[in-house]
Amino acid sequence: MTTDALQGQREWLAGEVAEFEDGGRKTIQIAGDDVVVFRFRDRYCAVKNVCPHMGGPVGDGMIISRVEAVLTEDQRFVCERFSEDEIHLVCPWHGWEFQLEGGECAGDPRIRLRMFDTEVREGQVYVIA
């Protein structure tokens, strides 16, 4: 852990970039809480490992692309497809889905995961809290 005295922020070393495969994750401890750091499509994000629904270990969940409905001009259903832009984290307890970037719940945007900023410097991944 390091501290930036000017901004009052703290940062925790999550690991070396080489430790994170694409789609991989790693759990670290921050102030006694489990925080899961994800690498997906060469981006990093960090989330407190607690689902706001019922406290499940959301960081252990499946990572999937958001499912989108394809409709005709008159709003008739054609098929479903996976989004190439929006990735979801699915809580393993009850299936609640959250955007992996931003933490917003797919079913109710007022509900969010506790997210942390991440930063990559000199081959190291840091979580900023």
Protein backbone atom coordinates (compact mmCIF):
# COMPACT_ATOMS: atom_id res chain seq x y z
CA MET A 1 0.00 0.00 0.00
CA THR A 2 1.11 3.54 -0.71
CA THR A 3 -0.49 6.84 0.22
CA ASP A 4 -0.80 10.02 -1.81
CA ALA A 5 -0.68 12.66 0.94
CA LEU A 6 -1.88 15.43 -1.35
CA GLN A 7 -5.11 13.73 -2.38
CA GLY A 8 -5.70 11.49 0.63
CA GLN A 9 -5.99 8.45 -1.64
CA ARG A 10 -4.47 5.08 -0.96
CA GLU A 11 -3.46 2.50 -3.48
CA TRP A 12 -3.00 -1.22 -3.13
CA LEU A 13 -0.83 -3.34 -5.37
CA ALA A 14 -3.00 -5.98 -7.02
CA GLY A 15 -0.14 -7.62 -8.88
CA GLU A 16 1.92 -7.57 -12.02
CA VAL A 17 0.19 -7.15 -15.37
CA ALA A 18 1.62 -10.56 -16.38
CA GLU A 19 -0.37 -12.21 -13.56
CA PHE A 20 -3.69 -11.27 -15.18
CA GLU A 21 -4.82 -13.24 -18.21
CA ASP A 22 -7.59 -11.74 -20.34
CA GLY A 23 -10.82 -12.64 -18.55
CA GLY A 24 -8.87 -13.35 -15.38
CA ARG A 25 -9.40 -12.12 -11.84
CA LYS A 26 -7.55 -11.88 -8.57
CA THR A 27 -8.85 -11.23 -5.05
CA ILE A 28 -6.96 -8.86 -2.76
CA GLN A 29 -7.68 -7.47 0.71
CA ILE A 30 -8.38 -3.77 1.21
CA ALA A 31 -9.11 -2.63 4.76
CA GLY A 32 -10.38 -6.11 5.65
CA ASP A 33 -12.66 -6.43 2.61
CA ASP A 34 -12.24 -8.76 -0.36
CA VAL A 35 -11.84 -6.79 -3.58
CA VAL A 36 -11.75 -8.63 -6.90
CA VAL A 37 -9.63 -7.18 -9.70
CA PHE A 38 -10.65 -8.18 -13.24
CA ARG A 39 -8.84 -7.92 -16.54
CA PHE A 40 -11.13 -7.98 -19.54
CA ARG A 41 -10.25 -6.83 -23.05
CA ASP A 42 -7.04 -5.27 -21.74
CA ARG A 43 -8.90 -3.13 -19.20
CA TYR A 44 -8.85 -3.52 -15.44
CA CYS A 45 -11.62 -2.94 -12.94
CA ALA A 46 -12.01 -3.68 -9.26
CA VAL A 47 -15.15 -4.47 -7.28
CA LYS A 48 -15.89 -5.13 -3.62
CA ASN A 49 -16.79 -8.82 -3.44
CA VAL A 50 -20.28 -8.22 -2.04
CA CYS A 51 -23.48 -8.27 -4.09
CA PRO A 52 -25.86 -5.47 -2.98
CA HIS A 53 -28.81 -7.87 -3.34
CA MET A 54 -28.05 -10.33 -0.53
CA GLY A 55 -24.33 -10.09 0.12
CA GLY A 56 -23.21 -12.91 -2.16
CA PRO A 57 -19.64 -13.18 -3.48
CA VAL A 58 -20.34 -11.34 -6.72
CA GLY A 59 -16.67 -11.42 -7.73
CA ASP A 60 -16.88 -15.20 -8.06
CA GLY A 61 -19.58 -14.89 -10.71
CA MET A 62 -19.58 -15.54 -14.41
CA ILE A 63 -18.52 -12.83 -16.86
CA ILE A 64 -20.81 -12.62 -19.89
CA SER A 65 -21.75 -10.16 -22.60
CA ARG A 66 -25.07 -8.40 -22.15
CA VAL A 67 -27.90 -10.07 -24.07
CA GLU A 68 -29.67 -7.73 -26.50
CA ALA A 69 -32.96 -8.24 -28.31
CA VAL A 70 -32.94 -7.61 -32.06
CA LEU A 71 -36.22 -6.07 -33.22
CA THR A 72 -37.74 -5.14 -36.56
CA GLU A 73 -38.72 -1.52 -37.31
CA ASP A 74 -42.22 -2.25 -35.95
CA GLN A 75 -40.71 -3.64 -32.73
CA ARG A 76 -41.23 -7.34 -33.44
CA PHE A 77 -38.74 -9.74 -31.93
CA VAL A 78 -36.24 -11.29 -34.35
CA CYS A 79 -33.58 -12.86 -32.14
CA GLU A 80 -31.15 -12.23 -29.33
CA ARG A 81 -27.45 -11.51 -29.58
CA PHE A 82 -24.56 -10.81 -27.26
CA SER A 83 -23.38 -7.21 -26.97
CA GLU A 84 -19.82 -6.55 -28.04
CA ASP A 85 -19.66 -3.41 -25.90
CA GLU A 86 -21.21 -4.21 -22.52
CA ILE A 87 -19.82 -6.92 -20.26
CA HIS A 88 -21.73 -8.17 -17.21
CA LEU A 89 -20.73 -9.84 -13.97
CA VAL A 90 -23.39 -12.30 -12.75
CA CYS A 91 -23.71 -12.93 -9.01
CA PRO A 92 -23.50 -16.70 -8.40
CA TRP A 93 -26.13 -16.64 -5.64
CA HIS A 94 -29.22 -15.26 -7.39
CA GLY A 95 -28.14 -14.28 -10.91
CA TRP A 96 -28.22 -10.52 -10.52
CA GLU A 97 -26.24 -8.92 -13.35
CA PHE A 98 -24.01 -5.87 -13.12
CA GLN A 99 -21.99 -3.96 -15.68
CA LEU A 100 -18.38 -4.95 -15.18
CA GLU A 101 -17.35 -1.34 -15.86
CA GLY A 102 -19.32 1.03 -13.67
CA GLY A 103 -21.10 -1.58 -11.54
CA GLU A 104 -24.66 -0.65 -12.54
CA CYS A 105 -27.30 -3.37 -12.06
CA ALA A 106 -28.83 -4.50 -15.37
CA GLY A 107 -32.30 -4.77 -13.81
CA ASP A 108 -32.27 -1.56 -11.75
CA PRO A 109 -29.68 1.13 -12.53
CA ARG A 110 -30.15 2.65 -9.06
CA ILE A 111 -28.39 -0.40 -7.59
CA ARG A 112 -24.63 -0.54 -8.02
CA LEU A 113 -21.63 -2.56 -7.01
CA ARG A 114 -18.91 -0.85 -4.97
CA MET A 115 -16.27 -0.17 -7.59
CA PHE A 116 -12.69 1.03 -7.21
CA ASP A 117 -10.48 2.84 -9.69
CA THR A 118 -7.51 0.96 -11.10
CA GLU A 119 -4.24 2.16 -12.55
CA VAL A 120 -1.41 0.43 -14.39
CA ARG A 121 2.09 1.80 -13.85
CA GLU A 122 5.42 0.26 -14.75
CA GLY A 123 3.91 -3.18 -15.28
CA GLN A 124 1.98 -3.19 -11.99
CA VAL A 125 -1.79 -3.03 -11.43
CA TYR A 126 -2.97 -0.85 -8.53
CA VAL A 127 -6.38 -0.42 -6.91
CA ILE A 128 -7.12 3.14 -5.78
CA ALA A 129 -9.39 3.66 -2.77
